[in-house]
Every structure is written in C-alpha cells, then in structure tokens.
C-alpha cells in the first residue's frame, strides 16, 4: 500500500499499524466464528432464541472491541 508520507512519518507509522493488525486478528477470527454460529443457529430445525440473543450480545461487544482498536491513536497524533 502506498501512502503520501515522508520516510520519518512512515517509520513512526509502521509500529502503530503492526500493533493494530496484531490486535485486530483475534477480533476478526471471533467475527468469522460468530458468523458460522449464526448460520448454524438460523438453519436449525428449531430456532433457539436464547442462543441467538446471546450471540447478538457477543456481537455488540465484538463491535466495541473493533471500534476501540480503530480509534486508537499514536502518542504524537493530534487530539480532536
């Protein structure tokens, strides 16, 4: 991926991006597993509303984890 930044900016950005990827990989795997579970729950002969609600609650928590990682800033980034 090409970005319009100086070499110094690229060097400062690299560890931030690597950490974000490292933090998001487990979240991505949880999302994939949850999608598979949702398909199984919805394709079952009998719909288990409790299990679907528990999965929904887990998905909300997972979305919050994703947001928290994406909102993370470097110590040198400007505050809004």
Protein backbone atom coordinates (compact mmCIF):
# COMPACT_ATOMS: atom_id res chain seq x y z
CA UNK A 1 0.00 0.00 0.00
CA UNK A 2 1.37 3.37 -0.99
CA UNK A 3 0.91 6.39 1.27
CA UNK A 4 1.90 10.01 0.81
CA UNK A 5 4.23 10.45 3.78
CA UNK A 6 7.82 11.27 4.50
CA UNK A 7 10.23 8.47 5.42
CA UNK A 8 10.15 9.67 9.03
CA UNK A 9 6.36 9.55 9.09
CA UNK A 10 6.39 6.07 7.59
CA UNK A 11 8.83 4.88 10.25
CA UNK A 12 6.63 6.29 13.02
CA UNK A 13 3.52 4.78 11.47
CA UNK A 14 4.87 1.26 10.97
CA UNK A 15 4.74 0.07 14.62
CA UNK A 16 1.26 1.58 15.04
CA UNK A 17 -0.07 -0.30 12.02
CA UNK A 18 1.61 -3.55 13.05
CA UNK A 19 0.08 -3.34 16.53
CA UNK A 20 -3.36 -2.57 15.12
CA UNK A 21 -3.15 -5.61 12.83
CA UNK A 22 -1.99 -7.77 15.74
CA UNK A 23 -4.89 -6.52 17.87
CA UNK A 24 -7.50 -6.98 15.13
CA UNK A 25 -6.61 -10.51 14.01
CA UNK A 26 -8.21 -12.23 17.03
CA UNK A 27 -11.28 -10.00 16.66
CA UNK A 28 -11.54 -10.99 13.01
CA UNK A 29 -11.37 -14.68 13.89
CA UNK A 30 -14.09 -14.22 16.53
CA UNK A 31 -16.27 -12.49 13.93
CA UNK A 32 -15.82 -15.38 11.49
CA UNK A 33 -16.69 -17.93 14.17
CA UNK A 34 -19.75 -15.91 15.20
CA UNK A 35 -20.97 -15.74 11.61
CA UNK A 36 -20.65 -19.50 11.31
CA UNK A 37 -22.52 -19.95 14.57
CA UNK A 38 -25.28 -17.59 13.39
CA UNK A 39 -25.74 -19.58 10.19
CA UNK A 40 -25.96 -22.80 12.20
CA UNK A 41 -28.45 -21.31 14.68
CA UNK A 42 -30.68 -19.91 11.96
CA UNK A 43 -30.55 -23.10 9.86
CA UNK A 44 -31.50 -25.36 12.77
CA UNK A 45 -34.83 -27.19 12.81
CA UNK A 46 -35.81 -25.30 15.95
CA UNK A 47 -34.78 -21.68 16.47
CA UNK A 48 -33.14 -21.12 19.86
CA UNK A 49 -33.99 -17.50 20.66
CA UNK A 50 -31.82 -17.51 23.77
CA UNK A 51 -28.76 -18.63 21.81
CA UNK A 52 -29.43 -16.05 19.11
CA UNK A 53 -29.78 -13.30 21.72
CA UNK A 54 -26.53 -14.39 23.40
CA UNK A 55 -24.78 -14.31 20.03
CA UNK A 56 -26.20 -10.84 19.35
CA UNK A 57 -24.88 -9.59 22.70
CA UNK A 58 -21.46 -11.06 21.90
CA UNK A 59 -21.50 -9.33 18.51
CA UNK A 60 -22.19 -5.96 20.14
CA UNK A 61 -19.21 -6.49 22.43
CA UNK A 62 -17.06 -7.52 19.47
CA UNK A 63 -18.07 -4.37 17.57
CA UNK A 64 -16.97 -2.29 20.55
CA UNK A 65 -13.58 -4.03 20.52
CA UNK A 66 -13.19 -3.20 16.82
CA UNK A 67 -14.12 0.42 17.43
CA UNK A 68 -11.68 0.74 20.30
CA UNK A 69 -8.79 -0.52 18.16
CA UNK A 70 -9.70 1.72 15.23
CA UNK A 71 -9.96 4.78 17.49
CA UNK A 72 -6.53 4.21 18.92
CA UNK A 73 -4.10 6.99 18.16
CA UNK A 74 -0.39 7.31 18.33
CA UNK A 75 1.05 9.40 21.15
CA UNK A 76 2.06 12.02 18.57
CA UNK A 77 -1.26 12.29 16.75
CA UNK A 78 -3.23 15.50 17.20
CA UNK A 79 -6.17 15.45 19.61
CA UNK A 80 -9.65 16.24 18.30
